[in-house]
N, C-alpha and C. Protein backbone atom coordinates (compact mmCIF):
# COMPACT_ATOMS: atom_id res chain seq x y z
N MET A 1 -39.80 -25.88 41.09
CA MET A 1 -40.82 -24.60 40.87
C MET A 1 -41.29 -24.69 39.67
N LEU A 2 -42.89 -24.03 39.79
CA LEU A 2 -43.27 -24.21 38.76
C LEU A 2 -43.56 -22.78 37.68
N LEU A 3 -43.45 -23.09 36.77
CA LEU A 3 -43.45 -22.05 35.72
C LEU A 3 -44.69 -21.74 35.28
N PRO A 4 -45.48 -20.30 35.48
CA PRO A 4 -46.54 -19.99 34.84
C PRO A 4 -46.73 -20.27 33.43
N ILE A 5 -47.97 -20.71 33.19
CA ILE A 5 -48.47 -20.90 31.93
C ILE A 5 -49.28 -19.73 31.56
N ILE A 6 -48.60 -19.23 30.14
CA ILE A 6 -49.06 -18.32 29.69
C ILE A 6 -50.13 -18.83 28.47
N SER A 7 -51.51 -18.20 28.77
CA SER A 7 -52.44 -18.37 27.63
C SER A 7 -51.93 -17.92 26.44
N LEU A 8 -52.69 -18.41 25.63
CA LEU A 8 -52.51 -17.91 23.79
C LEU A 8 -52.86 -16.85 23.95
N ALA A 9 -53.73 -16.49 24.56
CA ALA A 9 -54.44 -14.96 23.97
C ALA A 9 -53.29 -13.88 24.76
N VAL A 10 -53.03 -14.35 26.09
CA VAL A 10 -51.84 -13.15 26.47
C VAL A 10 -50.61 -13.14 25.50
N PHE A 11 -50.57 -14.40 25.28
CA PHE A 11 -49.02 -14.60 24.52
C PHE A 11 -49.19 -13.84 23.01
N THR A 12 -50.29 -13.93 22.31
CA THR A 12 -50.64 -13.13 21.26
C THR A 12 -50.47 -11.67 21.21
N LYS A 13 -51.54 -11.49 22.42
CA LYS A 13 -51.10 -9.74 22.55
C LYS A 13 -49.62 -8.78 22.87
N ARG A 14 -49.21 -9.53 23.63
CA ARG A 14 -47.77 -9.50 23.79
C ARG A 14 -46.85 -9.51 22.34
N LEU A 15 -47.48 -10.12 21.70
CA LEU A 15 -46.61 -10.75 20.33
C LEU A 15 -46.91 -9.41 19.45
N ARG A 16 -47.91 -9.17 19.24
CA ARG A 16 -48.77 -8.05 18.86
C ARG A 16 -48.06 -6.35 19.07
N ARG A 17 -48.23 -6.39 20.30
CA ARG A 17 -47.65 -5.27 20.83
C ARG A 17 -46.24 -4.94 20.95
N PHE A 18 -45.13 -6.11 20.90
CA PHE A 18 -43.87 -6.24 20.60
C PHE A 18 -43.80 -5.81 18.98
N ARG A 19 -44.66 -6.52 17.90
CA ARG A 19 -44.51 -5.91 16.74
C ARG A 19 -44.58 -4.40 16.39
N ARG A 20 -45.93 -3.82 17.29
CA ARG A 20 -45.91 -2.42 16.96
C ARG A 20 -45.08 -1.43 17.52
N SER A 21 -44.26 -2.03 18.44
CA SER A 21 -43.12 -1.06 19.07
C SER A 21 -42.12 -0.71 18.36
N GLN A 22 -41.50 0.22 18.21
CA GLN A 22 -40.67 1.04 17.62
C GLN A 22 -39.30 1.58 18.74
N ASP A 23 -39.64 0.83 19.90
CA ASP A 23 -38.43 1.25 20.65
C ASP A 23 -37.26 0.69 20.09
N GLY A 24 -36.18 0.81 20.24
CA GLY A 24 -34.44 0.42 19.93
C GLY A 24 -34.78 -0.02 18.39
N SER A 25 -35.45 0.45 17.18
CA SER A 25 -35.64 0.12 16.07
C SER A 25 -33.95 0.71 15.26
N ALA A 26 -33.91 1.60 15.80
CA ALA A 26 -32.83 2.44 15.52
C ALA A 26 -31.22 1.64 15.46
N ALA A 27 -31.26 1.35 16.56
CA ALA A 27 -30.08 0.46 16.95
C ALA A 27 -29.95 -0.64 16.19
N VAL A 28 -31.06 -1.49 16.33
CA VAL A 28 -30.90 -2.60 15.44
C VAL A 28 -30.42 -2.48 14.21
N GLU A 29 -31.26 -1.87 13.45
CA GLU A 29 -30.58 -1.45 12.22
C GLU A 29 -29.29 -0.90 11.79
N PHE A 30 -28.74 -0.11 13.16
CA PHE A 30 -27.55 0.36 12.91
C PHE A 30 -26.89 -1.41 13.26
N ALA A 31 -27.06 -1.82 14.01
CA ALA A 31 -25.94 -2.84 14.33
C ALA A 31 -26.42 -4.00 12.98
N MET A 32 -27.10 -4.04 12.29
CA MET A 32 -27.32 -4.77 10.95
C MET A 32 -26.21 -4.22 10.00
N ILE A 33 -26.15 -2.49 9.64
CA ILE A 33 -25.49 -2.10 8.54
C ILE A 33 -24.06 -1.66 9.24
N ALA A 34 -23.78 -1.41 10.31
CA ALA A 34 -22.23 -1.34 11.18
C ALA A 34 -21.12 -1.57 10.58
N PRO A 35 -21.26 -3.02 10.41
CA PRO A 35 -20.21 -3.57 9.68
C PRO A 35 -19.72 -3.53 8.48
N MET A 36 -20.80 -3.55 7.81
CA MET A 36 -20.41 -2.44 6.34
C MET A 36 -20.06 -1.60 6.09
N PHE A 37 -20.74 -0.69 6.93
CA PHE A 37 -20.18 0.71 6.68
C PHE A 37 -18.57 0.91 7.11
N PHE A 38 -18.09 0.13 8.77
CA PHE A 38 -16.81 0.49 8.85
C PHE A 38 -16.21 -0.45 8.08
N ALA A 39 -16.44 -1.05 7.64
CA ALA A 39 -15.53 -2.13 6.57
C ALA A 39 -15.38 -1.12 5.36
N LEU A 40 -16.23 -0.77 4.92
CA LEU A 40 -16.30 0.40 3.90
C LEU A 40 -15.00 1.52 4.26
N ILE A 41 -15.34 2.43 5.21
CA ILE A 41 -14.50 3.36 5.58
C ILE A 41 -13.15 2.93 5.87
N PHE A 42 -12.71 1.93 6.79
CA PHE A 42 -11.45 1.59 6.46
C PHE A 42 -10.50 0.94 5.02
N ALA A 43 -11.84 0.83 4.12
CA ALA A 43 -10.89 0.15 2.76
C ALA A 43 -10.79 1.42 2.48
N ILE A 44 -11.35 2.78 2.29
CA ILE A 44 -11.54 3.70 1.54
C ILE A 44 -9.99 4.52 2.42
N MET A 45 -9.72 4.40 4.06
CA MET A 45 -8.77 4.75 4.76
C MET A 45 -7.39 4.08 4.33
N GLU A 46 -7.75 2.46 3.99
CA GLU A 46 -5.94 2.12 3.30
C GLU A 46 -5.81 2.14 1.98
N THR A 47 -7.00 2.63 1.44
CA THR A 47 -6.51 3.20 -0.11
C THR A 47 -6.07 4.41 -0.34
N GLY A 48 -6.74 5.29 0.70
CA GLY A 48 -5.78 6.58 0.60
C GLY A 48 -4.62 6.45 1.62
N MET A 49 -4.13 5.80 2.30
CA MET A 49 -2.99 5.65 2.82
C MET A 49 -1.57 4.75 1.95
N VAL A 50 -2.49 3.78 0.92
CA VAL A 50 -1.75 3.46 -0.09
C VAL A 50 -1.21 4.77 -0.92
N PHE A 51 -2.01 5.24 -1.57
CA PHE A 51 -2.03 6.27 -2.57
C PHE A 51 -1.12 7.25 -2.26
N LEU A 52 -0.84 7.79 -0.81
CA LEU A 52 -0.36 8.78 -0.28
C LEU A 52 1.58 8.18 -0.13
N ALA A 53 1.64 6.77 0.20
CA ALA A 53 2.83 6.15 0.57
C ALA A 53 3.22 6.12 -1.42
N GLY A 54 2.50 5.91 -1.69
CA GLY A 54 3.22 5.73 -3.17
C GLY A 54 3.75 7.44 -3.74
N GLN A 55 3.04 8.34 -3.74
CA GLN A 55 3.44 9.31 -3.78
C GLN A 55 4.17 10.28 -3.17
N VAL A 56 4.69 9.37 -1.88
CA VAL A 56 5.61 10.11 -1.07
C VAL A 56 7.18 9.15 -2.00
N LEU A 57 6.77 8.39 -2.10
CA LEU A 57 8.24 7.30 -2.56
C LEU A 57 8.57 7.66 -3.76
N GLU A 58 7.09 8.09 -4.67
CA GLU A 58 7.54 9.01 -6.23
C GLU A 58 8.26 9.91 -6.15
N THR A 59 7.96 10.83 -5.02
CA THR A 59 8.75 12.40 -5.02
C THR A 59 10.00 11.99 -4.40
N GLY A 60 10.36 11.31 -3.55
CA GLY A 60 11.71 10.46 -2.93
C GLY A 60 12.34 10.33 -4.34
N VAL A 61 12.02 9.29 -5.12
CA VAL A 61 13.00 8.57 -6.08
C VAL A 61 13.29 10.00 -7.45
N GLN A 62 12.57 10.85 -7.46
CA GLN A 62 12.49 11.58 -8.14
C GLN A 62 13.64 12.65 -8.22
N ASP A 63 13.72 13.15 -6.93
CA ASP A 63 14.47 13.93 -6.19
C ASP A 63 15.74 13.12 -6.08
N GLY A 64 15.68 11.74 -5.78
CA GLY A 64 17.05 10.99 -5.65
C GLY A 64 17.56 10.84 -6.98
N ALA A 65 16.89 10.54 -8.11
CA ALA A 65 17.30 10.54 -9.67
C ALA A 65 18.18 11.70 -9.88
N ARG A 66 17.98 12.84 -9.37
CA ARG A 66 18.47 14.17 -10.13
C ARG A 66 19.46 14.26 -9.04
N LEU A 67 19.83 13.79 -7.90
CA LEU A 67 21.06 13.44 -7.05
C LEU A 67 22.17 12.79 -7.90
N VAL A 68 21.53 11.57 -8.21
CA VAL A 68 22.62 10.77 -8.83
C VAL A 68 23.45 11.28 -10.12
N TYR A 69 22.43 11.71 -10.97
CA TYR A 69 22.61 12.41 -12.34
C TYR A 69 23.72 13.54 -12.27
N THR A 70 23.51 14.23 -11.08
CA THR A 70 24.65 15.19 -10.95
C THR A 70 25.95 14.68 -9.96
N SER A 71 25.76 13.37 -9.61
CA SER A 71 26.82 13.19 -9.15
C SER A 71 26.87 13.69 -7.71
N GLN A 72 26.02 13.59 -7.10
CA GLN A 72 25.68 14.21 -5.44
C GLN A 72 25.82 13.25 -4.56
N SER A 73 25.50 12.16 -5.21
CA SER A 73 25.41 10.90 -3.97
C SER A 73 26.77 9.84 -4.35
N ALA A 74 27.70 10.15 -3.20
CA ALA A 74 29.22 9.60 -3.67
C ALA A 74 29.03 8.07 -3.85
N SER A 75 27.80 7.22 -2.70
CA SER A 75 27.75 5.79 -2.75
C SER A 75 26.14 5.58 -2.60
N ALA A 76 26.11 3.97 -2.77
CA ALA A 76 25.15 3.49 -2.58
C ALA A 76 24.31 3.69 -1.16
N ALA A 77 25.06 3.88 -0.15
CA ALA A 77 24.36 4.29 1.11
C ALA A 77 24.34 5.73 1.35
N ASP A 78 24.75 6.56 0.82
CA ASP A 78 24.71 7.91 0.65
C ASP A 78 23.26 8.32 0.23
N PHE A 79 22.96 7.42 -1.52
CA PHE A 79 21.98 7.69 -2.27
C PHE A 79 20.51 7.06 -1.16
N LYS A 80 20.85 6.04 -0.70
CA LYS A 80 19.41 5.63 0.29
C LYS A 80 19.19 6.36 1.30
N SER A 81 20.24 6.98 2.07
CA SER A 81 20.06 7.48 3.25
C SER A 81 19.42 9.08 2.34
N ALA A 82 19.88 9.42 1.56
CA ALA A 82 19.11 10.87 0.72
C ALA A 82 17.36 10.23 0.50
N ILE A 83 17.48 9.50 -0.16
CA ILE A 83 15.96 8.72 -0.35
C ILE A 83 15.49 8.95 0.69
N CYS A 84 15.72 8.10 2.03
CA CYS A 84 15.33 7.56 3.32
C CYS A 84 14.64 8.98 3.95
N GLY A 85 16.00 10.17 3.93
CA GLY A 85 15.24 11.17 4.58
C GLY A 85 14.16 12.15 3.95
N ARG A 86 13.57 11.48 2.95
CA ARG A 86 12.60 11.71 1.96
C ARG A 86 11.30 11.42 2.23
N VAL A 87 11.56 9.86 2.98
CA VAL A 87 10.20 9.23 2.83
C VAL A 87 10.34 8.56 4.15
N SER A 88 11.11 8.44 4.91
CA SER A 88 11.05 8.30 6.07
C SER A 88 9.88 8.29 7.30
N SER A 89 8.96 9.63 6.80
CA SER A 89 7.70 9.52 7.97
C SER A 89 6.99 8.66 7.30
N LEU A 90 6.55 8.13 6.37
CA LEU A 90 5.59 7.25 6.29
C LEU A 90 6.31 5.39 5.94
N MET A 91 7.88 5.58 5.94
CA MET A 91 8.49 3.93 5.70
C MET A 91 9.46 3.75 6.56
N ASP A 92 9.88 2.62 6.86
CA ASP A 92 10.81 2.05 7.36
C ASP A 92 12.08 1.94 6.17
N CYS A 93 12.63 2.53 6.43
CA CYS A 93 13.99 2.46 5.40
C CYS A 93 14.81 1.51 5.19
N ASN A 94 14.83 0.58 6.17
CA ASN A 94 15.31 -0.89 6.03
C ASN A 94 14.53 -1.71 5.07
N LYS A 95 13.54 -1.26 4.91
CA LYS A 95 12.55 -2.12 4.11
C LYS A 95 12.70 -1.69 2.44
N LEU A 96 13.30 -0.50 2.35
CA LEU A 96 13.32 0.56 0.58
C LEU A 96 14.39 -0.18 0.18
N ASP A 97 13.83 -0.91 -1.05
CA ASP A 97 15.09 -1.38 -2.40
C ASP A 97 15.26 -0.20 -3.31
N ILE A 98 16.19 0.06 -3.86
CA ILE A 98 16.71 0.86 -4.48
C ILE A 98 17.26 0.25 -5.76
N ASP A 99 17.10 0.52 -7.07
CA ASP A 99 17.46 0.11 -8.40
C ASP A 99 17.80 1.44 -9.11
N VAL A 100 19.31 1.54 -9.61
CA VAL A 100 19.68 2.68 -10.12
C VAL A 100 20.39 1.85 -11.33
N ARG A 101 20.33 2.55 -12.44
CA ARG A 101 20.78 1.93 -13.52
C ARG A 101 20.68 3.23 -14.95
N SER A 102 22.28 3.00 -15.22
CA SER A 102 22.70 4.30 -16.23
C SER A 102 22.65 3.22 -18.15
N TYR A 103 22.10 3.75 -18.95
CA TYR A 103 22.01 3.57 -19.88
C TYR A 103 22.65 4.64 -21.12
N ASP A 104 22.96 4.00 -22.06
CA ASP A 104 23.91 4.85 -23.17
C ASP A 104 22.65 5.62 -23.84
N ALA A 105 22.83 6.59 -24.38
CA ALA A 105 22.11 7.54 -25.77
C ALA A 105 21.33 6.77 -26.69
N GLY A 106 20.12 6.60 -26.68
CA GLY A 106 19.43 5.54 -27.61
C GLY A 106 19.31 4.42 -27.60
N THR A 107 19.87 3.60 -26.55
CA THR A 107 19.87 2.04 -26.00
C THR A 107 18.24 2.10 -25.93
N THR A 108 18.13 0.91 -25.65
CA THR A 108 16.68 0.67 -25.33
C THR A 108 16.72 0.16 -23.88
N ILE A 109 16.21 0.75 -22.97
CA ILE A 109 15.63 0.48 -21.89
C ILE A 109 14.54 -0.52 -21.39
N THR A 110 15.19 -1.67 -20.73
CA THR A 110 14.39 -2.58 -20.42
C THR A 110 14.24 -2.80 -18.57
N ILE A 111 12.94 -2.94 -18.26
CA ILE A 111 12.40 -2.69 -16.79
C ILE A 111 11.89 -4.17 -16.58
N SER A 112 12.81 -4.75 -15.56
CA SER A 112 11.71 -6.00 -15.20
C SER A 112 10.88 -6.18 -14.28
N ASP A 113 9.88 -6.80 -14.04
CA ASP A 113 9.12 -6.96 -13.16
C ASP A 113 9.71 -7.47 -11.60
N PRO A 114 9.34 -6.80 -10.41
CA PRO A 114 10.20 -7.61 -9.25
C PRO A 114 9.32 -8.58 -8.75
N ILE A 115 8.01 -8.66 -9.56
CA ILE A 115 7.17 -9.60 -8.83
C ILE A 115 7.32 -10.96 -9.64
N ASP A 116 7.66 -12.34 -9.25
CA ASP A 116 7.10 -13.23 -9.90
C ASP A 116 6.00 -13.85 -10.31
N ALA A 117 5.77 -14.63 -10.92
CA ALA A 117 4.44 -15.25 -11.44
C ALA A 117 3.63 -15.71 -10.19
N GLY A 118 4.39 -16.35 -9.03
CA GLY A 118 3.63 -16.78 -7.76
C GLY A 118 3.31 -15.27 -7.18
N GLY A 119 3.49 -14.32 -7.43
CA GLY A 119 3.03 -13.11 -6.46
C GLY A 119 3.91 -12.61 -5.35
N ASN A 120 5.32 -13.33 -5.46
CA ASN A 120 6.48 -13.23 -4.63
C ASN A 120 7.18 -11.97 -5.32
N TYR A 121 7.40 -10.92 -3.97
CA TYR A 121 8.50 -9.87 -4.27
C TYR A 121 10.07 -10.43 -4.36
N VAL A 122 10.79 -10.20 -5.18
CA VAL A 122 11.99 -10.63 -5.93
C VAL A 122 13.04 -9.74 -5.94
N PRO A 123 13.33 -9.22 -4.84
CA PRO A 123 14.40 -7.96 -4.93
C PRO A 123 16.06 -8.49 -6.05
N GLY A 124 15.83 -9.80 -6.13
CA GLY A 124 17.47 -9.73 -6.70
C GLY A 124 17.44 -9.38 -8.05
N GLY A 125 18.99 -8.90 -8.24
CA GLY A 125 18.94 -8.02 -9.50
C GLY A 125 19.28 -6.48 -9.32
N LEU A 126 18.70 -5.77 -7.90
CA LEU A 126 18.68 -4.55 -7.96
C LEU A 126 20.16 -4.14 -7.93
N VAL A 127 20.78 -3.35 -8.57
CA VAL A 127 22.21 -2.61 -8.53
C VAL A 127 22.20 -1.12 -7.95
N TYR A 128 23.13 -0.65 -8.15
CA TYR A 128 23.69 0.86 -7.77
C TYR A 128 24.66 1.03 -8.80
N GLN A 129 24.34 1.79 -10.17
CA GLN A 129 25.21 1.92 -11.37
C GLN A 129 25.07 3.52 -11.81
N PRO A 130 25.69 4.19 -11.04
CA PRO A 130 25.42 5.71 -11.14
C PRO A 130 26.55 5.71 -12.71
N PRO A 131 26.37 6.74 -13.49
CA PRO A 131 27.22 7.42 -14.54
C PRO A 131 28.06 7.90 -13.90
N SER A 132 29.11 8.42 -14.10
CA SER A 132 30.32 9.15 -14.32
C SER A 132 29.77 10.60 -14.70
N TYR A 133 30.18 11.67 -13.55
CA TYR A 133 29.75 12.91 -14.09
C TYR A 133 30.87 13.80 -14.78
N PRO A 134 30.59 14.58 -15.95
CA PRO A 134 29.40 14.84 -16.48
C PRO A 134 28.76 13.40 -17.45
N SER A 135 27.73 13.17 -17.35
CA SER A 135 27.51 12.24 -18.75
C SER A 135 26.18 12.72 -19.21
N SER A 136 26.30 11.90 -20.12
CA SER A 136 25.51 12.00 -21.52
C SER A 136 24.70 10.58 -21.69
N LYS A 137 24.68 9.73 -20.45
CA LYS A 137 23.57 8.76 -20.54
C LYS A 137 22.68 9.27 -19.46
N THR A 138 21.38 8.31 -19.64
CA THR A 138 20.41 8.48 -19.24
C THR A 138 20.10 7.05 -18.11
N VAL A 139 19.76 7.90 -16.71
CA VAL A 139 19.55 7.33 -15.79
C VAL A 139 18.36 7.15 -14.75
N VAL A 140 18.50 5.67 -14.73
CA VAL A 140 16.96 5.37 -14.17
C VAL A 140 16.84 4.70 -12.93
N VAL A 141 16.42 5.25 -12.12
CA VAL A 141 16.32 5.28 -10.63
C VAL A 141 15.27 4.81 -10.29
N ARG A 142 14.53 3.46 -9.51
CA ARG A 142 13.46 2.70 -9.35
C ARG A 142 13.82 2.39 -7.62
N GLY A 143 12.13 2.41 -7.04
CA GLY A 143 12.15 2.46 -5.57
C GLY A 143 11.28 1.65 -5.38
N PHE A 144 11.71 0.73 -4.71
CA PHE A 144 10.60 -0.43 -3.95
C PHE A 144 10.18 -0.19 -2.83
N TYR A 145 8.79 -0.40 -2.28
CA TYR A 145 8.38 -0.45 -0.79
C TYR A 145 7.38 -1.36 -0.70
N GLN A 146 7.45 -2.51 -0.03
CA GLN A 146 6.46 -3.66 0.62
C GLN A 146 5.38 -3.03 1.89
N TRP A 147 4.42 -2.09 1.18
CA TRP A 147 3.71 -1.38 2.23
C TRP A 147 2.54 -2.75 2.64
N PRO A 148 2.43 -2.81 4.18
CA PRO A 148 1.71 -3.79 4.46
C PRO A 148 0.09 -3.38 5.00
N LEU A 149 -0.84 -4.28 4.60
CA LEU A 149 -1.90 -4.16 4.39
C LEU A 149 -2.97 -4.68 5.40
N TYR A 150 -3.71 -4.02 5.97
CA TYR A 150 -4.57 -4.57 7.20
C TYR A 150 -5.98 -4.83 6.87
N VAL A 151 -6.67 -4.23 5.98
CA VAL A 151 -8.13 -4.22 5.29
C VAL A 151 -8.21 -5.56 4.61
N THR A 152 -7.37 -6.33 4.39
CA THR A 152 -7.59 -7.35 3.49
C THR A 152 -8.48 -8.34 4.20
N GLY A 153 -8.43 -8.34 5.47
CA GLY A 153 -9.17 -9.72 5.87
C GLY A 153 -10.89 -9.23 5.79
N LEU A 154 -11.19 -8.22 5.56
CA LEU A 154 -12.50 -7.80 5.51
C LEU A 154 -13.42 -8.13 4.04
N GLY A 155 -12.57 -8.59 2.98
CA GLY A 155 -12.56 -8.91 1.59
C GLY A 155 -12.50 -8.07 0.71
N TYR A 156 -11.58 -7.20 0.62
CA TYR A 156 -11.11 -5.59 0.58
C TYR A 156 -9.44 -5.99 0.23
N ASN A 157 -9.13 -6.49 -0.81
CA ASN A 157 -7.42 -6.98 -1.19
C ASN A 157 -7.36 -6.52 -2.38
N ILE A 158 -6.42 -5.50 -1.94
CA ILE A 158 -5.61 -4.73 -3.03
C ILE A 158 -3.97 -5.20 -3.24
N ALA A 159 -3.71 -5.97 -2.54
CA ALA A 159 -2.48 -6.54 -2.25
C ALA A 159 -1.61 -7.42 -3.73
N ASN A 160 -0.61 -7.41 -3.92
CA ASN A 160 0.02 -7.83 -5.35
C ASN A 160 1.72 -8.54 -4.67
N VAL A 161 1.55 -8.75 -3.60
CA VAL A 161 2.93 -9.56 -3.18
C VAL A 161 2.02 -10.17 -1.96
N SER A 162 2.42 -11.67 -1.73
CA SER A 162 2.31 -12.74 -0.69
C SER A 162 0.52 -12.80 -0.94
N ARG A 163 -0.25 -13.00 -1.64
CA ARG A 163 -1.33 -13.06 -2.14
C ARG A 163 -2.07 -14.12 -1.55
N GLY A 164 -3.36 -13.95 -0.78
CA GLY A 164 -3.52 -14.99 0.43
C GLY A 164 -3.47 -15.46 1.40
N THR A 165 -2.47 -14.49 1.50
CA THR A 165 -1.92 -14.95 3.44
C THR A 165 -2.38 -13.66 4.37
N SER A 166 -2.27 -13.81 5.24
CA SER A 166 -2.68 -12.84 6.28
C SER A 166 -1.67 -11.63 6.21
N ASN A 167 -0.51 -11.64 6.25
CA ASN A 167 0.27 -10.73 5.89
C ASN A 167 0.63 -10.30 4.53
N SER A 168 -0.87 -9.82 3.63
CA SER A 168 -0.76 -9.51 2.59
C SER A 168 0.09 -8.08 2.41
N LYS A 169 0.57 -7.62 1.22
CA LYS A 169 1.11 -6.15 0.99
C LYS A 169 1.10 -5.90 -0.17
N ARG A 170 1.19 -4.60 -0.52
CA ARG A 170 1.58 -4.07 -1.75
C ARG A 170 2.41 -3.59 -1.75
N LEU A 171 3.27 -4.01 -3.14
CA LEU A 171 4.41 -3.01 -4.07
C LEU A 171 4.33 -1.88 -4.22
N LEU A 172 4.91 -1.18 -3.61
CA LEU A 172 4.75 0.46 -4.17
C LEU A 172 6.12 0.44 -5.27
N ALA A 173 5.82 0.96 -6.04
CA ALA A 173 7.27 1.19 -7.12
C ALA A 173 6.73 2.31 -7.46
N ALA A 174 8.14 3.35 -7.65
CA ALA A 174 8.28 4.30 -8.42
C ALA A 174 9.86 4.79 -9.00
N THR A 175 9.43 5.10 -10.14
CA THR A 175 10.46 5.22 -11.34
C THR A 175 10.77 6.31 -11.69
N ALA A 176 11.99 6.72 -11.83
CA ALA A 176 12.42 7.85 -12.43
C ALA A 176 13.38 8.19 -13.63
N ALA A 177 13.39 8.51 -14.57
CA ALA A 177 14.11 9.07 -15.54
C ALA A 177 14.83 10.19 -15.86
N VAL A 178 16.29 10.56 -15.56
CA VAL A 178 16.71 11.66 -16.22
C VAL A 178 17.89 11.44 -16.83
N GLY A 179 17.90 12.20 -17.87
CA GLY A 179 19.38 12.03 -18.89
C GLY A 179 19.64 13.44 -19.63
N PRO A 180 20.25 13.76 -20.29
CA PRO A 180 20.61 14.86 -21.12
C PRO A 180 19.37 15.40 -22.16
N GLN A 181 19.32 16.60 -22.10
CA GLN A 181 18.38 17.38 -22.55
C GLN A 181 18.52 17.26 -24.34
């Protein structure tokens, strides 16, 4: 089958007509901008969800700290279920880690970072040490939750745990201290 040979004049005429045509230019421009637009929208949504989850965890830990200080939670399991009731709308309670410590009045309170130098979450050393009621001790309650991140593959990475992997996570941490007035 022979292909028709287009003369140079016909080719340049069609090229000029194609250049002047505005048909489909909006679709082409949107196709060029859409990936960056959607990446920005998803990054904003993920940041908002991380912030919301952090606030929910913070509120649950504050309420739980009051329960511990007033001896309304009998055991570590009761305490964890009390906090879990407050945060279960956003978080899996099996992945929630709790640390409760009591300090004498005037004692320096030191809090260790559960993320090691390699960016790994190390929950070892978390304890449940509530004071006996009534108490003049200060109670420090900390809660930790590894929030999964999904937009990190698009170049937006707010992960502070398991850096550089496809399953990056943001460690949400909440701390509340209650004590005698």
